[in-house]
């Protein structure tokens, strides 16, 4: 009975993956815009919503991973991975919000420039 199987914490790993996707979504859209003849810069900023949603989901997964670790008294592990997933999720969230503000101000400037 001394060698019990270690309980896993897959939410920690998924929070890291989703957080990384949140951080990379806006730069990937900008690279797509650069190499595409049909996608414009303004169209590529739709990735701000993707970054915000993925960032929120990564933070939620990290929170659930920390709860799982607490419920198993640390046997589930994944605390450091959940921390990085939360960090990347918050970073992706900030990138998405900043991109959304930039597009919003661009829209206001073009609206007032026409009048």
PDB file of N, CA and C in Angstrom:
ATOM      1  N   UNK A   1       0.818  -1.185   0.000  1.00  0.00           N
ATOM      2  CA  UNK A   1       0.000   0.000   0.000  1.00  0.00           C
ATOM      3  C   UNK A   1       0.861   1.248   0.000  1.00  0.00           C
ATOM      4  N   UNK A   2       2.155   1.113   0.059  1.00  0.00           N
ATOM      5  CA  UNK A   2       3.036   2.269   0.086  1.00  0.00           C
ATOM      6  C   UNK A   2       3.214   2.929  -1.271  1.00  0.00           C
ATOM      7  N   UNK A   3       3.002   2.188  -2.354  1.00  0.00           N
ATOM      8  CA  UNK A   3       3.171   2.748  -3.693  1.00  0.00           C
ATOM      9  C   UNK A   3       1.826   2.973  -4.361  1.00  0.00           C
ATOM     10  N   UNK A   4       1.135   4.004  -3.916  1.00  0.00           N
ATOM     11  CA  UNK A   4      -0.138   4.346  -4.525  1.00  0.00           C
ATOM     12  C   UNK A   4       0.135   5.092  -5.826  1.00  0.00           C
ATOM     13  N   UNK A   5      -0.689   4.892  -6.842  1.00  0.00           N
ATOM     14  CA  UNK A   5      -0.494   5.628  -8.092  1.00  0.00           C
ATOM     15  C   UNK A   5      -0.744   7.110  -7.883  1.00  0.00           C
ATOM     16  N   UNK A   6       0.068   7.908  -8.528  1.00  0.00           N
ATOM     17  CA  UNK A   6      -0.041   9.352  -8.387  1.00  0.00           C
ATOM     18  C   UNK A   6      -1.258   9.838  -9.168  1.00  0.00           C
ATOM     19  N   UNK A   7      -2.091  10.616  -8.495  1.00  0.00           N
ATOM     20  CA  UNK A   7      -3.267  11.179  -9.157  1.00  0.00           C
ATOM     21  C   UNK A   7      -2.804  12.280 -10.109  1.00  0.00           C
ATOM     22  N   UNK A   8      -3.339  12.273 -11.292  1.00  0.00           N
ATOM     23  CA  UNK A   8      -2.923  13.246 -12.296  1.00  0.00           C
ATOM     24  C   UNK A   8      -3.690  14.550 -12.180  1.00  0.00           C
ATOM     25  N   UNK A   9      -3.195  15.560 -12.866  1.00  0.00           N
ATOM     26  CA  UNK A   9      -3.833  16.868 -12.898  1.00  0.00           C
ATOM     27  C   UNK A   9      -3.776  17.399 -14.330  1.00  0.00           C
ATOM     28  N   UNK A  10      -4.602  16.844 -15.225  1.00  0.00           N
ATOM     29  CA  UNK A  10      -4.523  17.265 -16.633  1.00  0.00           C
ATOM     30  C   UNK A  10      -4.961  18.702 -16.861  1.00  0.00           C
ATOM     31  N   UNK A  11      -5.742  19.266 -15.959  1.00  0.00           N
ATOM     32  CA  UNK A  11      -6.165  20.662 -16.139  1.00  0.00           C
ATOM     33  C   UNK A  11      -4.983  21.612 -16.071  1.00  0.00           C
ATOM     34  N   UNK A  12      -3.964  21.261 -15.315  1.00  0.00           N
ATOM     35  CA  UNK A  12      -2.778  22.111 -15.231  1.00  0.00           C
ATOM     36  C   UNK A  12      -2.078  22.172 -16.584  1.00  0.00           C
ATOM     37  N   UNK A  13      -1.916  21.011 -17.201  1.00  0.00           N
ATOM     38  CA  UNK A  13      -1.265  20.978 -18.515  1.00  0.00           C
ATOM     39  C   UNK A  13      -2.112  21.685 -19.564  1.00  0.00           C
ATOM     40  N   UNK A  14      -3.417  21.499 -19.505  1.00  0.00           N
ATOM     41  CA  UNK A  14      -4.282  22.163 -20.481  1.00  0.00           C
ATOM     42  C   UNK A  14      -4.311  23.670 -20.275  1.00  0.00           C
ATOM     43  N   UNK A  15      -4.200  24.118 -19.033  1.00  0.00           N
ATOM     44  CA  UNK A  15      -4.152  25.569 -18.809  1.00  0.00           C
ATOM     45  C   UNK A  15      -2.900  26.159 -19.433  1.00  0.00           C
ATOM     46  N   UNK A  16      -1.802  25.427 -19.394  1.00  0.00           N
ATOM     47  CA  UNK A  16      -0.576  25.888 -20.024  1.00  0.00           C
ATOM     48  C   UNK A  16      -0.729  25.950 -21.540  1.00  0.00           C
ATOM     49  N   UNK A  17      -1.316  24.925 -22.131  1.00  0.00           N
ATOM     50  CA  UNK A  17      -1.508  24.885 -23.588  1.00  0.00           C
ATOM     51  C   UNK A  17      -2.454  25.992 -24.039  1.00  0.00           C
ATOM     52  N   UNK A  18      -3.573  26.145 -23.346  1.00  0.00           N
ATOM     53  CA  UNK A  18      -4.551  27.161 -23.725  1.00  0.00           C
ATOM     54  C   UNK A  18      -3.989  28.562 -23.488  1.00  0.00           C
ATOM     55  N   UNK A  19      -3.226  28.743 -22.427  1.00  0.00           N
ATOM     56  CA  UNK A  19      -2.588  30.036 -22.184  1.00  0.00           C
ATOM     57  C   UNK A  19      -1.594  30.391 -23.270  1.00  0.00           C
ATOM     58  N   UNK A  20      -0.839  29.409 -23.724  1.00  0.00           N
ATOM     59  CA  UNK A  20       0.104  29.645 -24.818  1.00  0.00           C
ATOM     60  C   UNK A  20      -0.631  29.998 -26.104  1.00  0.00           C
ATOM     61  N   UNK A  21      -1.735  29.329 -26.372  1.00  0.00           N
ATOM     62  CA  UNK A  21      -2.546  29.668 -27.546  1.00  0.00           C
ATOM     63  C   UNK A  21      -3.118  31.077 -27.438  1.00  0.00           C
ATOM     64  N   UNK A  22      -3.496  31.481 -26.227  1.00  0.00           N
ATOM     65  CA  UNK A  22      -4.020  32.836 -26.028  1.00  0.00           C
ATOM     66  C   UNK A  22      -2.955  33.884 -26.329  1.00  0.00           C
ATOM     67  N   UNK A  23      -1.740  33.623 -25.885  1.00  0.00           N
ATOM     68  CA  UNK A  23      -0.648  34.579 -26.122  1.00  0.00           C
ATOM     69  C   UNK A  23      -0.287  34.646 -27.600  1.00  0.00           C
ATOM     70  N   UNK A  24      -0.347  33.518 -28.286  1.00  0.00           N
ATOM     71  CA  UNK A  24       0.093  33.464 -29.679  1.00  0.00           C
ATOM     72  C   UNK A  24      -0.993  33.798 -30.696  1.00  0.00           C
ATOM     73  N   UNK A  25      -2.243  33.943 -30.274  1.00  0.00           N
ATOM     74  CA  UNK A  25      -3.320  34.132 -31.249  1.00  0.00           C
ATOM     75  C   UNK A  25      -3.212  35.462 -31.996  1.00  0.00           C
ATOM     76  N   UNK A  26      -2.930  36.549 -31.312  1.00  0.00           N
ATOM     77  CA  UNK A  26      -2.832  37.851 -31.994  1.00  0.00           C
ATOM     78  C   UNK A  26      -1.589  37.905 -32.885  1.00  0.00           C
ATOM     79  N   UNK A  27      -0.402  37.527 -32.416  1.00  0.00           N
ATOM     80  CA  UNK A  27       0.746  37.529 -33.337  1.00  0.00           C
ATOM     81  C   UNK A  27       0.559  36.600 -34.532  1.00  0.00           C
ATOM     82  N   UNK A  28      -0.095  35.463 -34.334  1.00  0.00           N
ATOM     83  CA  UNK A  28      -0.331  34.554 -35.459  1.00  0.00           C
ATOM     84  C   UNK A  28      -1.259  35.196 -36.490  1.00  0.00           C
ATOM     85  N   UNK A  29      -2.257  35.929 -36.023  1.00  0.00           N
ATOM     86  CA  UNK A  29      -3.161  36.615 -36.944  1.00  0.00           C
ATOM     87  C   UNK A  29      -2.433  37.725 -37.698  1.00  0.00           C
ATOM     88  N   UNK A  30      -1.514  38.390 -37.035  1.00  0.00           N
ATOM     89  CA  UNK A  30      -0.747  39.440 -37.712  1.00  0.00           C
ATOM     90  C   UNK A  30       0.190  38.854 -38.761  1.00  0.00           C
ATOM     91  N   UNK A  31       0.775  37.713 -38.467  1.00  0.00           N
ATOM     92  CA  UNK A  31       1.624  37.038 -39.457  1.00  0.00           C
ATOM     93  C   UNK A  31       0.767  36.568 -40.634  1.00  0.00           C
ATOM     94  N   UNK A  32      -0.417  36.053 -40.345  1.00  0.00           N
ATOM     95  CA  UNK A  32      -1.335  35.651 -41.413  1.00  0.00           C
ATOM     96  C   UNK A  32      -1.684  36.841 -42.298  1.00  0.00           C
ATOM     97  N   UNK A  33      -1.944  37.982 -41.684  1.00  0.00           N
ATOM     98  CA  UNK A  33      -2.272  39.191 -42.444  1.00  0.00           C
ATOM     99  C   UNK A  33      -1.107  39.624 -43.302  1.00  0.00           C
ATOM    100  N   UNK A  34       0.094  39.501 -42.796  1.00  0.00           N
ATOM    101  CA  UNK A  34       1.278  39.948 -43.534  1.00  0.00           C
ATOM    102  C   UNK A  34       1.489  39.122 -44.800  1.00  0.00           C
ATOM    103  N   UNK A  35       1.268  37.826 -44.699  1.00  0.00           N
ATOM    104  CA  UNK A  35       1.520  36.941 -45.838  1.00  0.00           C
ATOM    105  C   UNK A  35       0.280  36.665 -46.694  1.00  0.00           C
ATOM    106  N   UNK A  36      -0.868  37.186 -46.317  1.00  0.00           N
ATOM    107  CA  UNK A  36      -2.094  36.935 -47.060  1.00  0.00           C
ATOM    108  C   UNK A  36      -2.453  38.156 -47.900  1.00  0.00           C
ATOM    109  N   UNK A  37      -2.957  37.911 -49.083  1.00  0.00           N
ATOM    110  CA  UNK A  37      -3.384  39.012 -49.949  1.00  0.00           C
ATOM    111  C   UNK A  37      -4.835  39.400 -49.670  1.00  0.00           C
ATOM    112  N   UNK A  38      -5.576  38.559 -48.973  1.00  0.00           N
ATOM    113  CA  UNK A  38      -6.998  38.831 -48.770  1.00  0.00           C
ATOM    114  C   UNK A  38      -7.343  39.314 -47.368  1.00  0.00           C
ATOM    115  N   UNK A  39      -6.511  39.054 -46.382  1.00  0.00           N
ATOM    116  CA  UNK A  39      -6.800  39.446 -45.005  1.00  0.00           C
ATOM    117  C   UNK A  39      -6.143  40.793 -44.727  1.00  0.00           C
ATOM    118  N   UNK A  40      -6.934  41.745 -44.242  1.00  0.00           N
ATOM    119  CA  UNK A  40      -6.392  43.065 -43.918  1.00  0.00           C
ATOM    120  C   UNK A  40      -5.967  43.122 -42.452  1.00  0.00           C
ATOM    121  N   UNK A  41      -5.284  44.194 -42.110  1.00  0.00           N
ATOM    122  CA  UNK A  41      -4.832  44.366 -40.732  1.00  0.00           C
ATOM    123  C   UNK A  41      -6.013  44.497 -39.783  1.00  0.00           C
ATOM    124  N   UNK A  42      -7.033  45.218 -40.196  1.00  0.00           N
ATOM    125  CA  UNK A  42      -8.209  45.391 -39.343  1.00  0.00           C
ATOM    126  C   UNK A  42      -8.937  44.058 -39.165  1.00  0.00           C
ATOM    127  N   UNK A  43      -9.005  43.258 -40.214  1.00  0.00           N
ATOM    128  CA  UNK A  43      -9.651  41.946 -40.095  1.00  0.00           C
ATOM    129  C   UNK A  43      -8.864  41.010 -39.177  1.00  0.00           C
ATOM    130  N   UNK A  44      -7.557  41.134 -39.186  1.00  0.00           N
ATOM    131  CA  UNK A  44      -6.750  40.249 -38.348  1.00  0.00           C
ATOM    132  C   UNK A  44      -6.900  40.548 -36.863  1.00  0.00           C
ATOM    133  N   UNK A  45      -7.401  41.734 -36.533  1.00  0.00           N
ATOM    134  CA  UNK A  45      -7.559  42.064 -35.116  1.00  0.00           C
ATOM    135  C   UNK A  45      -8.775  41.395 -34.497  1.00  0.00           C
ATOM    136  N   UNK A  46      -9.524  40.629 -35.273  1.00  0.00           N
ATOM    137  CA  UNK A  46     -10.599  39.820 -34.696  1.00  0.00           C
ATOM    138  C   UNK A  46     -10.030  38.769 -33.756  1.00  0.00           C
ATOM    139  N   UNK A  47      -8.745  38.526 -33.876  1.00  0.00           N
ATOM    140  CA  UNK A  47      -8.093  37.574 -32.974  1.00  0.00           C
ATOM    141  C   UNK A  47      -8.045  38.086 -31.537  1.00  0.00           C
ATOM    142  N   UNK A  48      -8.371  39.358 -31.325  1.00  0.00           N
ATOM    143  CA  UNK A  48      -8.426  39.878 -29.955  1.00  0.00           C
ATOM    144  C   UNK A  48      -9.478  39.136 -29.147  1.00  0.00           C
ATOM    145  N   UNK A  49     -10.618  38.877 -29.759  1.00  0.00           N
ATOM    146  CA  UNK A  49     -11.665  38.118 -29.066  1.00  0.00           C
ATOM    147  C   UNK A  49     -11.230  36.705 -28.748  1.00  0.00           C
ATOM    148  N   UNK A  50     -10.499  36.102 -29.682  1.00  0.00           N
ATOM    149  CA  UNK A  50      -9.979  34.751 -29.452  1.00  0.00           C
ATOM    150  C   UNK A  50      -9.005  34.759 -28.277  1.00  0.00           C
ATOM    151  N   UNK A  51      -8.122  35.756 -28.243  1.00  0.00           N
ATOM    152  CA  UNK A  51      -7.141  35.851 -27.158  1.00  0.00           C
ATOM    153  C   UNK A  51      -7.831  36.055 -25.814  1.00  0.00           C
ATOM    154  N   UNK A  52      -8.877  36.872 -25.795  1.00  0.00           N
ATOM    155  CA  UNK A  52      -9.597  37.123 -24.542  1.00  0.00           C
ATOM    156  C   UNK A  52     -10.285  35.845 -24.058  1.00  0.00           C
ATOM    157  N   UNK A  53     -10.970  35.164 -24.950  1.00  0.00           N
ATOM    158  CA  UNK A  53     -11.677  33.938 -24.549  1.00  0.00           C
ATOM    159  C   UNK A  53     -10.712  32.840 -24.116  1.00  0.00           C
ATOM    160  N   UNK A  54      -9.635  32.647 -24.876  1.00  0.00           N
ATOM    161  CA  UNK A  54      -8.661  31.621 -24.495  1.00  0.00           C
ATOM    162  C   UNK A  54      -7.954  31.984 -23.191  1.00  0.00           C
ATOM    163  N   UNK A  55      -7.669  33.264 -22.993  1.00  0.00           N
ATOM    164  CA  UNK A  55      -7.037  33.700 -21.746  1.00  0.00           C
ATOM    165  C   UNK A  55      -7.920  33.432 -20.543  1.00  0.00           C
ATOM    166  N   UNK A  56      -9.201  33.747 -20.669  1.00  0.00           N
ATOM    167  CA  UNK A  56     -10.132  33.476 -19.572  1.00  0.00           C
ATOM    168  C   UNK A  56     -10.241  31.977 -19.294  1.00  0.00           C
ATOM    169  N   UNK A  57     -10.265  31.187 -20.361  1.00  0.00           N
ATOM    170  CA  UNK A  57     -10.375  29.738 -20.184  1.00  0.00           C
ATOM    171  C   UNK A  57      -9.107  29.170 -19.534  1.00  0.00           C
ATOM    172  N   UNK A  58      -7.952  29.698 -19.901  1.00  0.00           N
ATOM    173  CA  UNK A  58      -6.703  29.234 -19.288  1.00  0.00           C
ATOM    174  C   UNK A  58      -6.678  29.555 -17.796  1.00  0.00           C
ATOM    175  N   UNK A  59      -7.140  30.734 -17.427  1.00  0.00           N
ATOM    176  CA  UNK A  59      -7.192  31.107 -16.008  1.00  0.00           C
ATOM    177  C   UNK A  59      -8.165  30.197 -15.261  1.00  0.00           C
ATOM    178  N   UNK A  60      -9.308  29.899 -15.886  1.00  0.00           N
ATOM    179  CA  UNK A  60     -10.275  28.991 -15.263  1.00  0.00           C
ATOM    180  C   UNK A  60      -9.686  27.595 -15.085  1.00  0.00           C
ATOM    181  N   UNK A  61      -9.007  27.095 -16.108  1.00  0.00           N
ATOM    182  CA  UNK A  61      -8.386  25.771 -15.993  1.00  0.00           C
ATOM    183  C   UNK A  61      -7.309  25.751 -14.911  1.00  0.00           C
ATOM    184  N   UNK A  62      -6.534  26.812 -14.820  1.00  0.00           N
ATOM    185  CA  UNK A  62      -5.496  26.878 -13.787  1.00  0.00           C
ATOM    186  C   UNK A  62      -6.111  26.891 -12.389  1.00  0.00           C
ATOM    187  N   UNK A  63      -7.215  27.594 -12.254  1.00  0.00           N
ATOM    188  CA  UNK A  63      -7.891  27.627 -10.951  1.00  0.00           C
ATOM    189  C   UNK A  63      -8.397  26.233 -10.577  1.00  0.00           C
ATOM    190  N   UNK A  64      -8.984  25.536 -11.544  1.00  0.00           N
ATOM    191  CA  UNK A  64      -9.471  24.181 -11.291  1.00  0.00           C
ATOM    192  C   UNK A  64      -8.316  23.227 -10.981  1.00  0.00           C
ATOM    193  N   UNK A  65      -7.174  23.439 -11.627  1.00  0.00           N
ATOM    194  CA  UNK A  65      -6.006  22.598 -11.359  1.00  0.00           C
ATOM    195  C   UNK A  65      -5.495  22.823  -9.937  1.00  0.00           C
ATOM    196  N   UNK A  66      -5.492  24.080  -9.494  1.00  0.00           N
ATOM    197  CA  UNK A  66      -5.061  24.359  -8.117  1.00  0.00           C
ATOM    198  C   UNK A  66      -6.033  23.763  -7.110  1.00  0.00           C
ATOM    199  N   UNK A  67      -7.340  23.821  -7.426  1.00  0.00           N
ATOM    200  CA  UNK A  67      -8.333  23.204  -6.544  1.00  0.00           C
ATOM    201  C   UNK A  67      -8.138  21.695  -6.472  1.00  0.00           C
ATOM    202  N   UNK A  68      -7.833  21.085  -7.604  1.00  0.00           N
ATOM    203  CA  UNK A  68      -7.588  19.626  -7.641  1.00  0.00           C
ATOM    204  C   UNK A  68      -6.377  19.262  -6.794  1.00  0.00           C
ATOM    205  N   UNK A  69      -5.341  20.090  -6.890  1.00  0.00           N
ATOM    206  CA  UNK A  69      -4.145  19.832  -6.093  1.00  0.00           C
ATOM    207  C   UNK A  69      -4.440  19.979  -4.603  1.00  0.00           C
ATOM    208  N   UNK A  70      -5.273  20.948  -4.259  1.00  0.00           N
ATOM    209  CA  UNK A  70      -5.626  21.139  -2.854  1.00  0.00           C
ATOM    210  C   UNK A  70      -6.490  19.991  -2.341  1.00  0.00           C
ATOM    211  N   UNK A  71      -7.387  19.498  -3.181  1.00  0.00           N
ATOM    212  CA  UNK A  71      -8.253  18.396  -2.761  1.00  0.00           C
ATOM    213  C   UNK A  71      -7.470  17.109  -2.526  1.00  0.00           C
ATOM    214  N   UNK A  72      -6.420  16.914  -3.288  1.00  0.00           N
ATOM    215  CA  UNK A  72      -5.620  15.694  -3.145  1.00  0.00           C
ATOM    216  C   UNK A  72      -4.415  15.913  -2.244  1.00  0.00           C
ATOM    217  N   UNK A  73      -4.377  17.014  -1.545  1.00  0.00           N
ATOM    218  CA  UNK A  73      -3.303  17.364  -0.619  1.00  0.00           C
ATOM    219  C   UNK A  73      -1.951  17.332  -1.335  1.00  0.00           C
ATOM    220  N   UNK A  74      -1.929  17.867  -2.546  1.00  0.00           N
ATOM    221  CA  UNK A  74      -0.687  17.979  -3.296  1.00  0.00           C
ATOM    222  C   UNK A  74      -0.291  16.754  -4.087  1.00  0.00           C
ATOM    223  N   UNK A  75      -1.012  15.643  -3.934  1.00  0.00           N
ATOM    224  CA  UNK A  75      -0.636  14.431  -4.667  1.00  0.00           C
ATOM    225  C   UNK A  75      -0.874  14.553  -6.160  1.00  0.00           C
ATOM    226  N   UNK A  76      -1.825  15.395  -6.559  1.00  0.00           N
ATOM    227  CA  UNK A  76      -2.119  15.543  -7.991  1.00  0.00           C
ATOM    228  C   UNK A  76      -1.004  16.300  -8.692  1.00  0.00           C
ATOM    229  N   UNK A  77      -0.303  17.136  -7.980  1.00  0.00           N
ATOM    230  CA  UNK A  77       0.783  17.897  -8.582  1.00  0.00           C
ATOM    231  C   UNK A  77       0.273  18.952  -9.545  1.00  0.00           C
ATOM    232  N   UNK A  78       1.181  19.517 -10.309  1.00  0.00           N
ATOM    233  CA  UNK A  78       0.812  20.469 -11.331  1.00  0.00           C
ATOM    234  C   UNK A  78       0.668  21.899 -10.870  1.00  0.00           C
ATOM    235  N   UNK A  79       1.109  22.218  -9.666  1.00  0.00           N
ATOM    236  CA  UNK A  79       0.961  23.590  -9.188  1.00  0.00           C
ATOM    237  C   UNK A  79       1.801  24.573 -10.007  1.00  0.00           C
ATOM    238  N   UNK A  80       3.027  24.205 -10.303  1.00  0.00           N
ATOM    239  CA  UNK A  80       3.888  25.090 -11.086  1.00  0.00           C
ATOM    240  C   UNK A  80       3.356  25.231 -12.515  1.00  0.00           C
ATOM    241  N   UNK A  81       2.882  24.143 -13.079  1.00  0.00           N
ATOM    242  CA  UNK A  81       2.309  24.189 -14.428  1.00  0.00           C
ATOM    243  C   UNK A  81       1.049  25.048 -14.437  1.00  0.00           C
ATOM    244  N   UNK A  82       0.219  24.919 -13.401  1.00  0.00           N
ATOM    245  CA  UNK A  82      -0.986  25.746 -13.303  1.00  0.00           C
ATOM    246  C   UNK A  82      -0.614  27.215 -13.149  1.00  0.00           C
ATOM    247  N   UNK A  83       0.461  27.503 -12.418  1.00  0.00           N
ATOM    248  CA  UNK A  83       0.902  28.888 -12.265  1.00  0.00           C
ATOM    249  C   UNK A  83       1.292  29.471 -13.619  1.00  0.00           C
ATOM    250  N   UNK A  84       2.054  28.710 -14.402  1.00  0.00           N
ATOM    251  CA  UNK A  84       2.452  29.179 -15.727  1.00  0.00           C
ATOM    252  C   UNK A  84       1.244  29.300 -16.654  1.00  0.00           C
ATOM    253  N   UNK A  85       0.292  28.383 -16.548  1.00  0.00           N
ATOM    254  CA  UNK A  85      -0.927  28.477 -17.349  1.00  0.00           C
ATOM    255  C   UNK A  85      -1.719  29.723 -17.004  1.00  0.00           C
ATOM    256  N   UNK A  86      -1.798  30.036 -15.709  1.00  0.00           N
ATOM    257  CA  UNK A  86      -2.493  31.254 -15.280  1.00  0.00           C
ATOM    258  C   UNK A  86      -1.755  32.489 -15.767  1.00  0.00           C
ATOM    259  N   UNK A  87      -0.443  32.483 -15.658  1.00  0.00           N
ATOM    260  CA  UNK A  87       0.361  33.620 -16.112  1.00  0.00           C
ATOM    261  C   UNK A  87       0.176  33.856 -17.614  1.00  0.00           C
ATOM    262  N   UNK A  88       0.274  32.791 -18.393  1.00  0.00           N
ATOM    263  CA  UNK A  88       0.099  32.924 -19.837  1.00  0.00           C
ATOM    264  C   UNK A  88      -1.334  33.311 -20.189  1.00  0.00           C
ATOM    265  N   UNK A  89      -2.306  32.791 -19.453  1.00  0.00           N
ATOM    266  CA  UNK A  89      -3.694  33.170 -19.685  1.00  0.00           C
ATOM    267  C   UNK A  89      -3.939  34.640 -19.417  1.00  0.00           C
ATOM    268  N   UNK A  90      -3.395  35.152 -18.323  1.00  0.00           N
ATOM    269  CA  UNK A  90      -3.540  36.578 -18.017  1.00  0.00           C
ATOM    270  C   UNK A  90      -2.798  37.444 -19.031  1.00  0.00           C
ATOM    271  N   UNK A  91      -1.635  36.971 -19.478  1.00  0.00           N
ATOM    272  CA  UNK A  91      -0.897  37.704 -20.503  1.00  0.00           C
ATOM    273  C   UNK A  91      -1.684  37.741 -21.811  1.00  0.00           C
ATOM    274  N   UNK A  92      -2.252  36.625 -22.213  1.00  0.00           N
ATOM    275  CA  UNK A  92      -3.085  36.585 -23.411  1.00  0.00           C
ATOM    276  C   UNK A  92      -4.309  37.464 -23.273  1.00  0.00           C
ATOM    277  N   UNK A  93      -4.892  37.484 -22.084  1.00  0.00           N
ATOM    278  CA  UNK A  93      -6.027  38.353 -21.815  1.00  0.00           C
ATOM    279  C   UNK A  93      -5.636  39.824 -21.978  1.00  0.00           C
ATOM    280  N   UNK A  94      -4.495  40.203 -21.449  1.00  0.00           N
ATOM    281  CA  UNK A  94      -4.016  41.580 -21.591  1.00  0.00           C
ATOM    282  C   UNK A  94      -3.725  41.928 -23.053  1.00  0.00           C
ATOM    283  N   UNK A  95      -3.138  40.999 -23.788  1.00  0.00           N
ATOM    284  CA  UNK A  95      -2.867  41.238 -25.209  1.00  0.00           C
ATOM    285  C   UNK A  95      -4.179  41.423 -25.970  1.00  0.00           C
ATOM    286  N   UNK A  96      -5.166  40.596 -25.680  1.00  0.00           N
ATOM    287  CA  UNK A  96      -6.456  40.707 -26.346  1.00  0.00           C
ATOM    288  C   UNK A  96      -7.169  42.010 -26.028  1.00  0.00           C
ATOM    289  N   UNK A  97      -7.153  42.417 -24.763  1.00  0.00           N
ATOM    290  CA  UNK A  97      -7.803  43.670 -24.369  1.00  0.00           C
ATOM    291  C   UNK A  97      -7.088  44.861 -24.996  1.00  0.00           C
ATOM    292  N   UNK A  98      -5.771  44.834 -25.010  1.00  0.00           N
ATOM    293  CA  UNK A  98      -5.007  45.921 -25.625  1.00  0.00           C
ATOM    294  C   UNK A  98      -5.300  46.015 -27.122  1.00  0.00           C
ATOM    295  N   UNK A  99      -5.378  44.879 -27.783  1.00  0.00           N
ATOM    296  CA  UNK A  99      -5.700  44.868 -29.206  1.00  0.00           C
ATOM    297  C   UNK A  99      -7.110  45.399 -29.444  1.00  0.00           C
ATOM    298  N   UNK A 100      -8.048  45.019 -28.594  1.00  0.00           N
ATOM    299  CA  UNK A 100      -9.423  45.500 -28.739  1.00  0.00           C
ATOM    300  C   UNK A 100      -9.492  47.015 -28.541  1.00  0.00           C
ATOM    301  N   UNK A 101      -8.765  47.541 -27.567  1.00  0.00           N
ATOM    302  CA  UNK A 101      -8.728  48.991 -27.374  1.00  0.00           C
ATOM    303  C   UNK A 101      -8.106  49.692 -28.576  1.00  0.00           C
ATOM    304  N   UNK A 102      -7.051  49.127 -29.119  1.00  0.00           N
ATOM    305  CA  UNK A 102      -6.395  49.728 -30.283  1.00  0.00           C
ATOM    306  C   UNK A 102      -7.348  49.790 -31.471  1.00  0.00           C
ATOM    307  N   UNK A 103      -8.093  48.725 -31.700  1.00  0.00           N
ATOM    308  CA  UNK A 103      -9.053  48.706 -32.809  1.00  0.00           C
ATOM    309  C   UNK A 103     -10.190  49.689 -32.537  1.00  0.00           C
ATOM    310  N   UNK A 104     -10.620  49.770 -31.300  1.00  0.00           N
ATOM    311  CA  UNK A 104     -11.671  50.717 -30.941  1.00  0.00           C
ATOM    312  C   UNK A 104     -11.255  52.157 -31.176  1.00  0.00           C
ATOM    313  N   UNK A 105     -10.048  52.504 -30.765  1.00  0.00           N
ATOM    314  CA  UNK A 105      -9.563  53.864 -31.003  1.00  0.00           C
ATOM    315  C   UNK A 105      -9.348  54.138 -32.480  1.00  0.00           C
ATOM    316  N   UNK A 106      -8.901  53.138 -33.219  1.00  0.00           N
ATOM    317  CA  UNK A 106      -8.766  53.279 -34.659  1.00  0.00           C
ATOM    318  C   UNK A 106     -10.131  53.559 -35.292  1.00  0.00           C
ATOM    319  N   UNK A 107     -11.133  52.841 -34.836  1.00  0.00           N
ATOM    320  CA  UNK A 107     -12.486  53.069 -35.346  1.00  0.00           C
ATOM    321  C   UNK A 107     -12.977  54.469 -35.039  1.00  0.00           C
ATOM    322  N   UNK A 108     -12.717  54.945 -33.835  1.00  0.00           N
ATOM    323  CA  UNK A 108     -13.116  56.311 -33.490  1.00  0.00           C
ATOM    324  C   UNK A 108     -12.367  57.342 -34.336  1.00  0.00           C
ATOM    325  N   UNK A 109     -11.083  57.139 -34.535  1.00  0.00           N
ATOM    326  CA  UNK A 109     -10.314  58.084 -35.352  1.00  0.00           C
ATOM    327  C   UNK A 109     -10.813  58.120 -36.786  1.00  0.00           C
ATOM    328  N   UNK A 110     -11.112  56.964 -37.365  1.00  0.00           N
ATOM    329  CA  UNK A 110     -11.619  56.975 -38.740  1.00  0.00           C
ATOM    330  C   UNK A 110     -13.022  57.545 -38.807  1.00  0.00           C
ATOM    331  N   UNK A 111     -13.828  57.370 -37.765  1.00  0.00           N
ATOM    332  CA  UNK A 111     -15.166  57.932 -37.734  1.00  0.00           C
ATOM    333  C   UNK A 111     -15.117  59.455 -37.699  1.00  0.00           C
ATOM    334  N   UNK A 112     -14.253  60.006 -36.838  1.00  0.00           N
ATOM    335  CA  UNK A 112     -14.157  61.458 -36.720  1.00  0.00           C
ATOM    336  C   UNK A 112     -13.379  62.087 -37.884  1.00  0.00           C
ATOM    337  N   UNK A 113     -12.552  61.314 -38.545  1.00  0.00           N
ATOM    338  CA  UNK A 113     -11.803  61.841 -39.688  1.00  0.00           C
ATOM    339  C   UNK A 113     -12.721  62.062 -40.889  1.00  0.00           C
ATOM    340  N   UNK A 114     -13.794  61.320 -40.966  1.00  0.00           N
ATOM    341  CA  UNK A 114     -14.722  61.444 -42.088  1.00  0.00           C
ATOM    342  C   UNK A 114     -15.661  62.629 -41.933  1.00  0.00           C
ATOM    343  N   UNK A 115     -15.840  63.112 -40.721  1.00  0.00           N
ATOM    344  CA  UNK A 115     -16.792  64.211 -40.522  1.00  0.00           C
ATOM    345  C   UNK A 115     -16.151  65.575 -40.592  1.00  0.00           C
TER     346      UNK A 115
END
